[in-house]
Amino acid sequence: MVSRRLFLATATLAGLSAPAILRAEGGLFRDFPFSLGVAAGDPSSDGFVIWTRLAPEPMAPHGGMPLAPVPVDWEVASDGGFRDIVAKGTELAHPELAHSVHVEVAGLQPDRPYYYRFTAAGERSLRGRARTLPAVGARVDALKFGVCGCQHFESGFFGAYRHLAREDLAFVYHYGDFIYEYSQDYLFTDGLPSRPVRQNAFRNLIDLSDFRTAYSQQLGDIDLQAARCSHAFLSSFDDHEIRNDWVSDRDNWKLGLDAEDPDAPPPEVFMLKKQAAMQAWYEHMPVRRALLPRGGMVALNRELRFGDLMSMQLLDTRQYRSDQPCGDGFKPACAQVFDKQAQVLGKAQEDWLAHNLGEGGATWNAIAQQVTMMSLDRRRFPDEPKKILNLDSWAGYEAPRERMLARLGGVKNAVVLTGDEHQNFCGDLVLKDKVVAGEFVGTSISSGGDGSDKRKGTDEWLALNPELKFANDQRGYLVCDVGREAWQTHFMVVDKVTTPVNNLSKRATGVVENGVAGIKMS
């Protein structure tokens, strides 16, 4: 427990006068300190992480906070009225971590909802809700969870998150691109220039202060706050949390489709930026202390087990990957695509994955990751003579892709969950004419603008790739409805993101039957 006396002493040493601190009872903060909401994440069978950040002036330096630790009280209750408090404590919000708080709550009962809240200097946060997982190995017959990501602030509003908040879900997997690292003067969602729907508060992101600004603006969105206070999140990251198409220690920014930026920072400088970006990501995500960045690296890959029904492996497809082949982009394959030394996960992560999959004990084996695993021909128009690949996906790394597919073919009921593409599609993962798993690729929350039912050339694209079962270009999220006999993934879409309020509908459902690797549409 942290006493008020310690807070006063610490704040005084930090340069704040005692009278200023004594006014805390009547208002230490110039404005509501929990302006960025609350969140929970990384659930287990006996608890979860609860998060908040003190930021009374979120767009001001240091969020308008004094440069001193501030005690934050937290409570977890079995009921929404907080009559039955089952856990409580006090945590110091440190200025070095932007006054964020990550409490790892333990000792709770499995497979039930709990409610949580925070208090600081007499101010109380929004109430949050999170659910614990069933006990490991316990028989479970049903699971429903969400999948989402890719939320470009300038491309549209986050109304899809309000719909997601209303879903009855055990948790939500967020596949990354929580922020975007640049501002745009024009959008080209229909091929013609248009103004951004909303404007970022920055031009580009370079240092820790810049990245904190981006998260502060993003988390001010009330629809995003609604989703984060309603469900526990499994947080990941992809590329835009740092720089488009980065891998390992390489910036990889392009001036055009084929031209690399000659002024891109060298690896040792890029890693300084990555450290800042990953610190800001940690400061704003409901993740455990084990994910605190060290030297710019985050131990992102981890496992979730939902009783005996599902094991989920959360992968990291950025930090250990070899540089994209052929200069990156969408283009025909070159010899580098078939480099047997190339890596997507890196050897240590591959070994970790093999060990976890080898343990068995679950009806379904889910792989939650960022970039498309199917090797798809990306041609959509008749004047494109050669097969085109997305070289920032697994298609650019054929040797590790084949190793992955061979591994998935050795376990029962493998299902891959992917983001990044800003469109919905799903299909079979095929190794040497054998279907080994199904892959569901989720669209974006807002990136890409309103979209339409189909992109131009979608019918041609489907014809070129018989493993594809469905494609759609609207915004939204996935809901995975998992039972012992079948896995159903519902593609939930909104009609528009260029207005704050939109309408939700179920566009399609893909089904994987127990014991049958391929996807069929219903």
Protein backbone atom coordinates (compact mmCIF):
# COMPACT_ATOMS: atom_id res chain seq x y z
CA MET A 1 0.00 0.00 0.00
CA VAL A 2 1.21 3.53 -0.79
CA SER A 3 0.42 6.15 1.84
CA ARG A 4 -0.70 9.68 1.09
CA ARG A 5 2.28 10.86 3.18
CA LEU A 6 4.65 9.10 0.78
CA PHE A 7 2.85 10.69 -2.16
CA LEU A 8 3.20 14.15 -0.60
CA ALA A 9 6.88 13.62 0.13
CA THR A 10 7.61 12.30 -3.35
CA ALA A 11 5.72 15.09 -5.05
CA THR A 12 7.51 17.70 -2.93
CA LEU A 13 10.88 16.26 -3.95
CA ALA A 14 9.73 16.47 -7.54
CA GLY A 15 9.30 20.21 -7.19
CA LEU A 16 5.64 20.48 -6.28
CA SER A 17 4.87 22.62 -3.24
CA ALA A 18 3.02 21.12 -0.32
CA PRO A 19 0.08 23.54 -0.68
CA ALA A 20 -0.37 22.44 -4.31
CA ILE A 21 -0.50 18.81 -3.26
CA LEU A 22 -2.79 19.54 -0.33
CA ARG A 23 -5.28 20.87 -2.82
CA ALA A 24 -5.45 17.31 -4.15
CA GLU A 25 -8.48 16.56 -2.01
CA GLY A 26 -10.33 19.31 -3.81
CA GLY A 27 -8.80 18.47 -7.17
CA LEU A 28 -5.19 17.50 -7.81
CA PHE A 29 -6.02 17.26 -11.49
CA ARG A 30 -7.11 20.08 -13.76
CA ASP A 31 -9.46 17.69 -15.50
CA PHE A 32 -10.72 14.11 -15.30
CA PRO A 33 -7.57 11.96 -14.87
CA PHE A 34 -9.02 8.79 -16.44
CA SER A 35 -9.68 10.44 -19.81
CA LEU A 36 -8.18 7.48 -21.72
CA GLY A 37 -10.49 4.93 -20.17
CA VAL A 38 -9.74 1.55 -18.63
CA ALA A 39 -8.95 -1.84 -20.08
CA ALA A 40 -8.29 -5.44 -19.12
CA GLY A 41 -6.21 -8.04 -20.90
CA ASP A 42 -4.24 -11.28 -20.95
CA PRO A 43 -6.87 -13.25 -19.01
CA SER A 44 -6.05 -16.45 -17.16
CA SER A 45 -8.18 -18.89 -15.20
CA ASP A 46 -7.58 -16.93 -11.98
CA GLY A 47 -7.30 -13.34 -13.14
CA PHE A 48 -6.26 -10.79 -15.75
CA VAL A 49 -4.40 -7.50 -16.13
CA ILE A 50 -6.28 -4.26 -15.47
CA TRP A 51 -4.95 -1.03 -16.98
CA THR A 52 -5.44 2.68 -16.89
CA ARG A 53 -3.35 5.79 -17.39
CA LEU A 54 -3.63 9.08 -15.54
CA ALA A 55 -3.88 11.81 -18.16
CA PRO A 56 -6.07 14.80 -17.18
CA GLU A 57 -4.74 16.67 -20.21
CA PRO A 58 -3.94 13.78 -22.56
CA MET A 59 -2.52 15.87 -25.41
CA ALA A 60 -0.30 17.97 -23.13
CA PRO A 61 3.28 16.98 -22.24
CA HIS A 62 3.21 14.10 -19.73
CA GLY A 63 -0.56 14.05 -20.01
CA GLY A 64 -0.80 17.11 -17.77
CA MET A 65 0.59 15.11 -14.84
CA PRO A 66 3.24 16.13 -12.27
CA LEU A 67 6.60 14.44 -12.74
CA ALA A 68 6.15 12.31 -9.65
CA PRO A 69 4.66 8.91 -8.82
CA VAL A 70 0.96 9.03 -8.00
CA PRO A 71 -0.88 6.32 -6.02
CA VAL A 72 -3.86 4.76 -7.75
CA ASP A 73 -6.34 2.59 -5.86
CA TRP A 74 -7.94 -0.32 -7.68
CA GLU A 75 -10.84 -2.64 -6.90
CA VAL A 76 -12.20 -5.82 -8.43
CA ALA A 77 -15.75 -6.94 -7.60
CA SER A 78 -17.95 -9.89 -8.42
CA ASP A 79 -20.84 -7.52 -9.14
CA GLY A 80 -21.27 -4.34 -11.13
CA GLY A 81 -22.36 -2.39 -8.05
CA PHE A 82 -19.10 -3.19 -6.24
CA ARG A 83 -20.89 -4.52 -3.18
CA ASP A 84 -18.72 -7.66 -3.15
CA ILE A 85 -15.07 -6.55 -3.42
CA VAL A 86 -12.90 -9.62 -4.05
CA ALA A 87 -9.53 -7.90 -4.61
CA LYS A 88 -8.13 -4.43 -4.08
CA GLY A 89 -4.87 -2.58 -3.66
CA THR A 90 -2.85 0.50 -4.52
CA GLU A 91 -0.40 0.83 -7.37
CA LEU A 92 2.04 3.64 -8.09
CA ALA A 93 1.63 5.30 -11.47
CA HIS A 94 5.18 6.26 -12.46
CA PRO A 95 5.97 9.21 -14.73
CA GLU A 96 8.62 7.09 -16.48
CA LEU A 97 5.73 4.99 -17.84
CA ALA A 98 3.42 7.93 -18.58
CA HIS A 99 1.59 7.33 -15.28
CA SER A 100 0.16 4.09 -16.65
CA VAL A 101 -0.92 1.32 -14.30
CA HIS A 102 -0.75 -2.42 -15.03
CA VAL A 103 -2.19 -4.52 -12.20
CA GLU A 104 -1.89 -8.30 -12.52
CA VAL A 105 -4.94 -9.48 -10.63
CA ALA A 106 -4.85 -13.10 -9.39
CA GLY A 107 -6.76 -15.36 -7.03
CA LEU A 108 -10.13 -15.04 -8.80
CA GLN A 109 -12.58 -17.80 -9.70
CA PRO A 110 -12.38 -19.35 -13.18
CA ASP A 111 -14.81 -18.77 -16.03
CA ARG A 112 -16.84 -15.86 -14.68
CA PRO A 113 -17.15 -12.11 -15.16
CA TYR A 114 -15.68 -9.53 -12.81
CA TYR A 115 -15.82 -5.74 -12.63
CA TYR A 116 -12.99 -3.34 -11.89
CA ARG A 117 -12.34 0.37 -11.38
CA PHE A 118 -9.63 2.82 -10.31
CA THR A 119 -9.54 5.83 -7.97
CA ALA A 120 -6.93 8.59 -7.73
CA ALA A 121 -7.11 11.75 -5.60
CA GLY A 122 -10.83 11.27 -5.12
CA GLU A 123 -11.53 10.83 -8.83
CA ARG A 124 -13.04 7.52 -10.02
CA SER A 125 -12.62 5.85 -13.38
CA LEU A 126 -15.06 4.26 -15.73
CA ARG A 127 -16.13 0.77 -14.68
CA GLY A 128 -14.58 -2.09 -16.62
CA ARG A 129 -15.61 -5.71 -17.08
CA ALA A 130 -13.49 -8.77 -17.84
CA ARG A 131 -13.97 -12.51 -17.73
CA THR A 132 -11.57 -15.11 -16.39
CA LEU A 133 -10.82 -18.22 -18.45
CA PRO A 134 -12.02 -21.71 -17.56
CA ALA A 135 -9.53 -23.84 -15.63
CA VAL A 136 -6.86 -25.36 -17.88
CA GLY A 137 -8.07 -28.75 -19.02
CA ALA A 138 -11.65 -28.26 -17.79
CA ARG A 139 -14.32 -29.50 -20.16
CA VAL A 140 -15.76 -26.59 -22.13
CA ASP A 141 -18.40 -26.95 -24.81
CA ALA A 142 -18.65 -23.41 -26.19
CA LEU A 143 -16.55 -20.27 -26.67
CA LYS A 144 -17.24 -16.98 -28.42
CA PHE A 145 -14.52 -14.38 -28.92
CA GLY A 146 -13.79 -11.36 -31.12
CA VAL A 147 -10.99 -10.54 -33.57
CA CYS A 148 -10.20 -6.99 -34.71
CA GLY A 149 -7.49 -4.49 -35.60
CA CYS A 150 -6.24 -1.88 -38.08
CA GLN A 151 -7.83 1.37 -36.90
CA HIS A 152 -6.66 4.36 -38.91
CA PHE A 153 -7.92 7.46 -37.12
CA GLU A 154 -8.00 9.60 -40.27
CA SER A 155 -9.83 7.04 -42.43
CA GLY A 156 -12.96 6.87 -40.34
CA PHE A 157 -14.77 6.65 -37.05
CA PHE A 158 -14.59 3.67 -34.74
CA GLY A 159 -18.32 2.88 -34.59
CA ALA A 160 -17.56 -0.81 -35.17
CA TYR A 161 -16.05 -0.87 -31.68
CA ARG A 162 -19.39 0.15 -30.13
CA HIS A 163 -21.01 -2.85 -31.80
CA LEU A 164 -18.13 -5.05 -30.61
CA ALA A 165 -18.67 -3.79 -27.05
CA ARG A 166 -22.24 -5.09 -27.15
CA GLU A 167 -21.23 -8.62 -28.18
CA ASP A 168 -21.23 -11.37 -25.55
CA LEU A 169 -17.57 -12.43 -25.78
CA ALA A 170 -15.03 -14.19 -23.61
CA PHE A 171 -12.21 -11.95 -24.90
CA VAL A 172 -10.99 -10.07 -27.99
CA TYR A 173 -7.82 -10.74 -29.99
CA HIS A 174 -6.42 -7.50 -31.47
CA TYR A 175 -4.01 -8.30 -34.30
CA GLY A 176 -2.29 -4.93 -34.38
CA ASP A 177 -2.06 -1.57 -36.15
CA PHE A 178 -3.58 0.10 -33.09
CA ILE A 179 -2.17 3.42 -34.31
CA TYR A 180 -0.79 4.65 -37.63
CA GLU A 181 2.54 6.41 -37.64
CA TYR A 182 1.81 9.13 -40.20
CA SER A 183 -0.67 11.83 -41.09
CA GLN A 184 -2.18 12.23 -44.56
CA ASP A 185 -3.37 15.30 -46.39
CA TYR A 186 -5.47 13.22 -48.79
CA LEU A 187 -7.15 9.82 -48.80
CA PHE A 188 -7.76 7.88 -52.01
CA THR A 189 -10.38 5.33 -50.99
CA ASP A 190 -12.15 5.49 -54.37
CA GLY A 191 -9.18 6.52 -56.50
CA LEU A 192 -9.92 10.23 -56.18
CA PRO A 193 -8.56 12.55 -53.50
CA SER A 194 -10.67 13.24 -50.44
CA ARG A 195 -9.98 14.85 -47.08
CA PRO A 196 -9.35 12.68 -44.03
CA VAL A 197 -12.46 12.10 -41.94
CA ARG A 198 -10.50 13.14 -38.84
CA GLN A 199 -7.07 14.71 -38.52
CA ASN A 200 -4.14 13.27 -36.61
CA ALA A 201 -2.50 15.61 -34.12
CA PHE A 202 0.93 14.86 -35.59
CA ARG A 203 2.70 14.79 -38.91
CA ASN A 204 5.06 11.91 -38.19
CA LEU A 205 6.14 9.87 -35.16
CA ILE A 206 9.79 9.91 -34.14
CA ASP A 207 10.33 9.88 -30.37
CA LEU A 208 8.56 8.68 -27.23
CA SER A 209 6.60 11.91 -26.80
CA ASP A 210 5.28 11.61 -30.37
CA PHE A 211 4.12 8.03 -29.88
CA ARG A 212 2.44 8.91 -26.59
CA THR A 213 0.56 11.69 -28.39
CA ALA A 214 -0.70 9.22 -30.99
CA TYR A 215 -2.03 6.79 -28.37
CA SER A 216 -3.55 9.62 -26.34
CA GLN A 217 -5.51 10.90 -29.31
CA GLN A 218 -6.57 7.41 -30.33
CA LEU A 219 -7.73 6.39 -26.87
CA GLY A 220 -9.82 9.52 -26.53
CA ASP A 221 -12.29 7.85 -28.90
CA ILE A 222 -15.30 6.82 -26.80
CA ASP A 223 -16.24 3.85 -29.02
CA LEU A 224 -12.76 2.40 -28.59
CA GLN A 225 -13.03 2.98 -24.84
CA ALA A 226 -16.39 1.19 -24.84
CA ALA A 227 -14.88 -1.95 -26.36
CA ARG A 228 -11.84 -1.91 -24.10
CA CYS A 229 -13.90 -1.56 -20.92
CA SER A 230 -16.30 -4.33 -21.99
CA HIS A 231 -13.93 -7.18 -22.88
CA ALA A 232 -10.47 -8.43 -21.96
CA PHE A 233 -8.09 -7.88 -24.89
CA LEU A 234 -5.21 -10.02 -26.14
CA SER A 235 -3.01 -7.26 -27.52
CA SER A 236 -0.54 -7.69 -30.36
CA PHE A 237 1.24 -5.33 -32.73
CA ASP A 238 1.98 -5.32 -36.44
CA ASP A 239 3.86 -2.68 -38.41
CA HIS A 240 2.12 0.69 -38.05
CA GLU A 241 2.80 0.88 -34.33
CA ILE A 242 6.34 1.75 -35.49
CA ARG A 243 6.76 2.09 -39.26
CA ASN A 244 5.01 0.58 -42.28
CA ASP A 245 6.46 -2.83 -43.25
CA TRP A 246 9.27 -2.79 -40.68
CA VAL A 247 10.86 -6.11 -39.79
CA SER A 248 13.59 -7.00 -37.32
CA ASP A 249 15.84 -3.92 -37.09
CA ARG A 250 14.97 -2.45 -40.50
CA ASP A 251 12.80 0.60 -41.19
CA ASN A 252 11.78 -0.44 -44.76
CA TRP A 253 9.89 2.76 -45.54
CA LYS A 254 9.22 3.11 -49.28
CA LEU A 255 9.08 6.28 -51.33
CA GLY A 256 6.94 4.40 -53.85
CA LEU A 257 6.01 0.85 -54.75
CA ASP A 258 9.61 -0.09 -55.52
CA ALA A 259 11.82 2.73 -54.25
CA GLU A 260 13.35 2.40 -50.81
CA ASP A 261 13.93 5.60 -48.89
CA PRO A 262 17.67 6.41 -49.10
CA ASP A 263 17.34 8.46 -45.92
CA ALA A 264 15.85 5.61 -43.85
CA PRO A 265 17.73 5.28 -40.55
CA PRO A 266 20.37 2.57 -40.16
CA PRO A 267 19.43 -0.40 -37.95
CA GLU A 268 21.10 0.93 -34.80
CA VAL A 269 19.17 4.20 -35.08
CA PHE A 270 15.90 2.49 -36.02
CA MET A 271 16.17 0.38 -32.85
CA LEU A 272 16.17 3.57 -30.76
CA LYS A 273 12.90 4.56 -32.41
CA LYS A 274 11.56 1.04 -31.94
CA GLN A 275 12.36 1.18 -28.23
CA ALA A 276 10.34 4.40 -27.93
CA ALA A 277 7.45 2.98 -29.97
CA MET A 278 7.35 -0.25 -27.98
CA GLN A 279 7.47 1.63 -24.67
CA ALA A 280 4.46 3.72 -25.74
CA TRP A 281 2.67 0.55 -26.89
CA TYR A 282 3.28 -1.07 -23.49
CA GLU A 283 2.17 2.06 -21.65
CA HIS A 284 -1.24 1.94 -23.35
CA MET A 285 -1.95 -1.80 -23.59
CA PRO A 286 -3.45 -4.07 -20.88
CA VAL A 287 -0.52 -6.49 -20.91
CA ARG A 288 1.64 -8.14 -18.27
CA ARG A 289 4.98 -6.83 -17.04
CA ALA A 290 6.70 -9.61 -18.96
CA LEU A 291 5.95 -7.58 -22.11
CA LEU A 292 7.78 -4.47 -20.92
CA PRO A 293 10.26 -3.73 -23.77
CA ARG A 294 13.90 -4.43 -23.17
CA GLY A 295 16.36 -2.99 -25.67
CA GLY A 296 13.49 -2.39 -28.05
CA MET A 297 12.35 -6.03 -27.92
CA VAL A 298 9.00 -7.25 -26.59
CA ALA A 299 8.30 -10.89 -25.65
CA LEU A 300 5.06 -10.80 -27.65
CA ASN A 301 4.43 -14.49 -28.36
CA ARG A 302 2.37 -16.23 -25.70
CA GLU A 303 -0.26 -18.93 -25.25
CA LEU A 304 -3.88 -18.88 -24.10
CA ARG A 305 -5.76 -22.08 -23.21
CA PHE A 306 -9.54 -22.05 -22.96
CA GLY A 307 -10.24 -25.22 -20.97
CA ASP A 308 -10.00 -28.30 -23.19
CA LEU A 309 -11.78 -26.58 -26.08
CA MET A 310 -9.09 -24.32 -27.59
CA SER A 311 -5.42 -23.53 -27.31
CA MET A 312 -4.37 -20.25 -28.94
CA GLN A 313 -0.80 -19.40 -29.87
CA LEU A 314 -0.20 -15.64 -30.29
CA LEU A 315 2.68 -15.20 -32.72
CA ASP A 316 5.11 -12.38 -33.49
CA THR A 317 5.68 -12.07 -37.26
CA ARG A 318 7.73 -8.83 -37.17
CA GLN A 319 10.61 -8.84 -34.69
CA TYR A 320 12.48 -11.93 -35.91
CA ARG A 321 11.64 -11.84 -39.62
CA SER A 322 14.18 -11.64 -42.43
CA ASP A 323 13.98 -8.58 -44.66
CA GLN A 324 11.22 -8.75 -47.26
CA PRO A 325 12.45 -10.26 -50.56
CA CYS A 326 12.53 -8.61 -53.95
CA GLY A 327 12.37 -5.11 -52.46
CA ASP A 328 9.01 -5.72 -50.75
CA GLY A 329 5.60 -4.78 -52.15
CA PHE A 330 3.12 -6.55 -54.43
CA LYS A 331 5.11 -8.04 -57.30
CA PRO A 332 6.21 -11.34 -58.92
CA ALA A 333 8.42 -13.66 -56.90
CA CYS A 334 12.19 -13.55 -57.15
CA ALA A 335 14.78 -16.12 -56.02
CA GLN A 336 14.79 -14.68 -52.48
CA VAL A 337 11.22 -15.90 -51.93
CA PHE A 338 12.59 -19.45 -51.87
CA ASP A 339 15.59 -18.73 -49.63
CA LYS A 340 15.78 -21.70 -47.24
CA GLN A 341 17.53 -19.54 -44.63
CA ALA A 342 14.74 -16.95 -44.51
CA GLN A 343 12.77 -16.56 -41.28
CA VAL A 344 9.33 -15.28 -40.32
CA LEU A 345 9.17 -16.37 -36.69
CA GLY A 346 12.83 -17.09 -35.98
CA LYS A 347 14.11 -20.44 -34.72
CA ALA A 348 13.40 -19.87 -31.02
CA GLN A 349 9.77 -18.93 -31.67
CA GLU A 350 9.33 -21.84 -34.10
CA ASP A 351 10.64 -24.23 -31.43
CA TRP A 352 8.31 -22.67 -28.83
CA LEU A 353 5.35 -23.09 -31.19
CA ALA A 354 6.25 -26.72 -31.96
CA HIS A 355 6.44 -27.51 -28.23
CA ASN A 356 3.05 -25.90 -27.48
CA LEU A 357 1.29 -27.56 -30.40
CA GLY A 358 2.82 -30.88 -29.41
CA GLU A 359 1.25 -30.73 -25.96
CA GLY A 360 -2.23 -31.31 -27.38
CA GLY A 361 -5.14 -31.41 -24.96
CA ALA A 362 -7.47 -29.11 -26.93
CA THR A 363 -10.13 -29.74 -29.55
CA TRP A 364 -9.05 -26.68 -31.59
CA ASN A 365 -5.57 -25.26 -32.22
CA ALA A 366 -5.77 -21.56 -33.05
CA ILE A 367 -2.87 -19.55 -34.47
CA ALA A 368 -3.36 -15.81 -33.89
CA GLN A 369 -0.96 -13.75 -35.98
CA GLN A 370 -0.63 -10.70 -38.22
CA VAL A 371 0.05 -11.38 -41.92
CA THR A 372 -1.67 -13.66 -44.42
CA MET A 373 -0.40 -17.25 -44.51
CA MET A 374 -2.04 -18.26 -47.81
CA SER A 375 0.23 -17.73 -50.81
CA LEU A 376 -2.23 -15.93 -53.04
CA ASP A 377 -2.00 -14.67 -56.60
CA ARG A 378 -2.84 -10.98 -56.12
CA ARG A 379 -3.76 -10.21 -59.72
CA ARG A 380 -7.19 -8.65 -60.16
CA PHE A 381 -6.95 -7.25 -63.69
CA PRO A 382 -6.38 -8.96 -67.07
CA ASP A 383 -3.37 -6.81 -68.04
CA GLU A 384 -1.23 -8.25 -65.22
CA PRO A 385 0.69 -11.08 -66.94
CA LYS A 386 2.61 -12.68 -64.04
CA LYS A 387 1.57 -14.06 -60.67
CA ILE A 388 1.81 -11.29 -58.07
CA LEU A 389 2.52 -11.96 -54.40
CA ASN A 390 2.19 -9.85 -51.27
CA LEU A 391 5.83 -10.01 -50.24
CA ASP A 392 5.14 -8.60 -46.78
CA SER A 393 3.06 -11.72 -46.04
CA TRP A 394 4.07 -15.38 -45.58
CA ALA A 395 3.93 -15.66 -49.39
CA GLY A 396 7.31 -13.91 -49.53
CA TYR A 397 8.94 -16.61 -47.39
CA GLU A 398 8.20 -19.98 -48.94
CA ALA A 399 10.58 -22.12 -46.84
CA PRO A 400 9.28 -21.02 -43.41
CA ARG A 401 5.74 -21.05 -44.79
CA GLU A 402 6.10 -24.69 -45.80
CA ARG A 403 7.52 -25.52 -42.39
CA MET A 404 4.54 -23.86 -40.75
CA LEU A 405 2.01 -25.66 -42.95
CA ALA A 406 3.72 -29.00 -42.30
CA ARG A 407 3.49 -28.30 -38.57
CA LEU A 408 -0.20 -27.38 -38.80
CA GLY A 409 -0.85 -30.53 -40.81
CA GLY A 410 0.50 -32.53 -37.88
CA VAL A 411 -2.10 -31.27 -35.38
CA LYS A 412 -5.84 -31.61 -35.42
CA ASN A 413 -8.25 -28.80 -36.17
CA ALA A 414 -5.82 -25.93 -36.85
CA VAL A 415 -7.38 -22.52 -37.52
CA VAL A 416 -5.33 -19.42 -38.40
CA LEU A 417 -6.56 -15.90 -37.53
CA THR A 418 -5.00 -13.00 -39.43
CA GLY A 419 -5.32 -9.25 -39.98
CA ASP A 420 -3.31 -6.60 -41.89
CA GLU A 421 -5.18 -6.72 -45.22
CA HIS A 422 -8.02 -4.21 -44.55
CA GLN A 423 -10.48 -6.65 -46.15
CA ASN A 424 -12.33 -9.82 -45.19
CA PHE A 425 -11.47 -13.12 -46.80
CA CYS A 426 -10.93 -16.74 -45.86
CA GLY A 427 -9.64 -19.90 -47.43
CA ASP A 428 -7.78 -23.16 -47.13
CA LEU A 429 -4.10 -23.53 -46.33
CA VAL A 430 -2.75 -26.08 -48.79
CA LEU A 431 0.56 -27.96 -48.71
CA LYS A 432 1.32 -30.20 -51.70
CA ASP A 433 -2.34 -30.47 -52.68
CA LYS A 434 -3.40 -31.33 -49.12
CA VAL A 435 -5.58 -28.95 -47.07
CA VAL A 436 -3.96 -28.67 -43.65
CA ALA A 437 -5.88 -25.79 -42.01
CA GLY A 438 -8.29 -22.92 -42.58
CA GLU A 439 -7.37 -19.23 -42.43
CA PHE A 440 -9.72 -16.36 -41.58
CA VAL A 441 -8.46 -12.88 -42.48
CA GLY A 442 -10.27 -10.05 -40.70
CA THR A 443 -10.88 -6.59 -42.11
CA SER A 444 -10.12 -3.27 -40.42
CA ILE A 445 -12.04 -1.20 -37.92
CA SER A 446 -11.62 1.89 -40.13
CA SER A 447 -8.52 1.62 -42.36
CA GLY A 448 -9.48 1.89 -46.01
CA GLY A 449 -12.59 3.98 -45.44
CA ASP A 450 -16.15 2.85 -46.08
CA GLY A 451 -15.23 0.25 -48.66
CA SER A 452 -17.83 -1.77 -50.57
CA ASP A 453 -19.06 -5.31 -50.73
CA LYS A 454 -16.38 -6.22 -53.26
CA ARG A 455 -13.23 -4.52 -54.48
CA LYS A 456 -12.87 -4.11 -58.21
CA GLY A 457 -11.56 -7.37 -59.66
CA THR A 458 -12.65 -9.54 -56.72
CA ASP A 459 -14.35 -12.14 -58.93
CA GLU A 460 -11.17 -12.46 -61.01
CA TRP A 461 -9.11 -12.75 -57.82
CA LEU A 462 -11.33 -15.54 -56.46
CA ALA A 463 -11.09 -17.39 -59.79
CA LEU A 464 -7.28 -17.25 -59.72
CA ASN A 465 -7.16 -18.66 -56.17
CA PRO A 466 -9.46 -21.69 -55.81
CA GLU A 467 -8.46 -22.05 -52.14
CA LEU A 468 -10.25 -18.75 -51.42
CA LYS A 469 -13.84 -19.18 -50.28
CA PHE A 470 -14.98 -15.60 -49.64
CA ALA A 471 -13.85 -11.98 -50.07
CA ASN A 472 -15.39 -8.69 -48.93
CA ASP A 473 -14.19 -5.08 -48.65
CA GLN A 474 -16.22 -3.62 -45.78
CA ARG A 475 -15.03 -2.62 -42.31
CA GLY A 476 -15.84 -4.43 -39.07
CA TYR A 477 -14.59 -7.39 -37.05
CA LEU A 478 -14.81 -11.17 -36.66
CA VAL A 479 -16.74 -13.17 -34.10
CA CYS A 480 -15.52 -16.75 -33.63
CA ASP A 481 -18.20 -19.09 -32.29
CA VAL A 482 -16.43 -22.29 -31.28
CA GLY A 483 -18.07 -25.56 -30.28
CA ARG A 484 -16.88 -29.11 -29.99
CA GLU A 485 -18.25 -30.09 -33.41
CA ALA A 486 -17.57 -26.96 -35.44
CA TRP A 487 -15.77 -23.61 -35.53
CA GLN A 488 -17.81 -20.77 -37.04
CA THR A 489 -16.31 -17.38 -37.92
CA HIS A 490 -18.85 -14.63 -38.55
CA PHE A 491 -17.77 -11.68 -40.69
CA MET A 492 -19.48 -8.71 -39.01
CA VAL A 493 -19.47 -5.57 -41.17
CA VAL A 494 -20.63 -1.96 -40.86
CA ASP A 495 -22.17 0.01 -43.70
CA LYS A 496 -19.85 3.01 -43.33
CA VAL A 497 -17.10 4.52 -41.19
CA THR A 498 -17.24 8.07 -42.53
CA THR A 499 -19.99 8.85 -40.04
CA PRO A 500 -19.81 8.33 -36.25
CA VAL A 501 -22.91 6.08 -36.17
CA ASN A 502 -23.29 3.09 -38.48
CA ASN A 503 -25.27 -0.12 -38.95
CA LEU A 504 -23.92 -3.62 -38.30
CA SER A 505 -24.75 -6.80 -40.19
CA LYS A 506 -23.43 -10.32 -40.56
CA ARG A 507 -22.02 -10.53 -44.07
CA ALA A 508 -21.02 -14.22 -44.12
CA THR A 509 -20.00 -17.19 -41.96
CA GLY A 510 -17.14 -19.57 -42.57
CA VAL A 511 -17.29 -23.02 -40.95
CA VAL A 512 -14.60 -25.56 -40.09
CA GLU A 513 -15.95 -28.92 -38.99
CA ASN A 514 -14.18 -30.97 -36.33
CA GLY A 515 -11.83 -33.34 -38.14
CA VAL A 516 -12.12 -31.57 -41.52
CA ALA A 517 -9.34 -29.07 -42.32
CA GLY A 518 -11.05 -26.97 -44.99
CA ILE A 519 -13.49 -24.05 -44.72
CA LYS A 520 -16.99 -24.07 -46.13
CA MET A 521 -19.30 -21.08 -46.26
CA SER A 522 -22.77 -21.07 -44.76
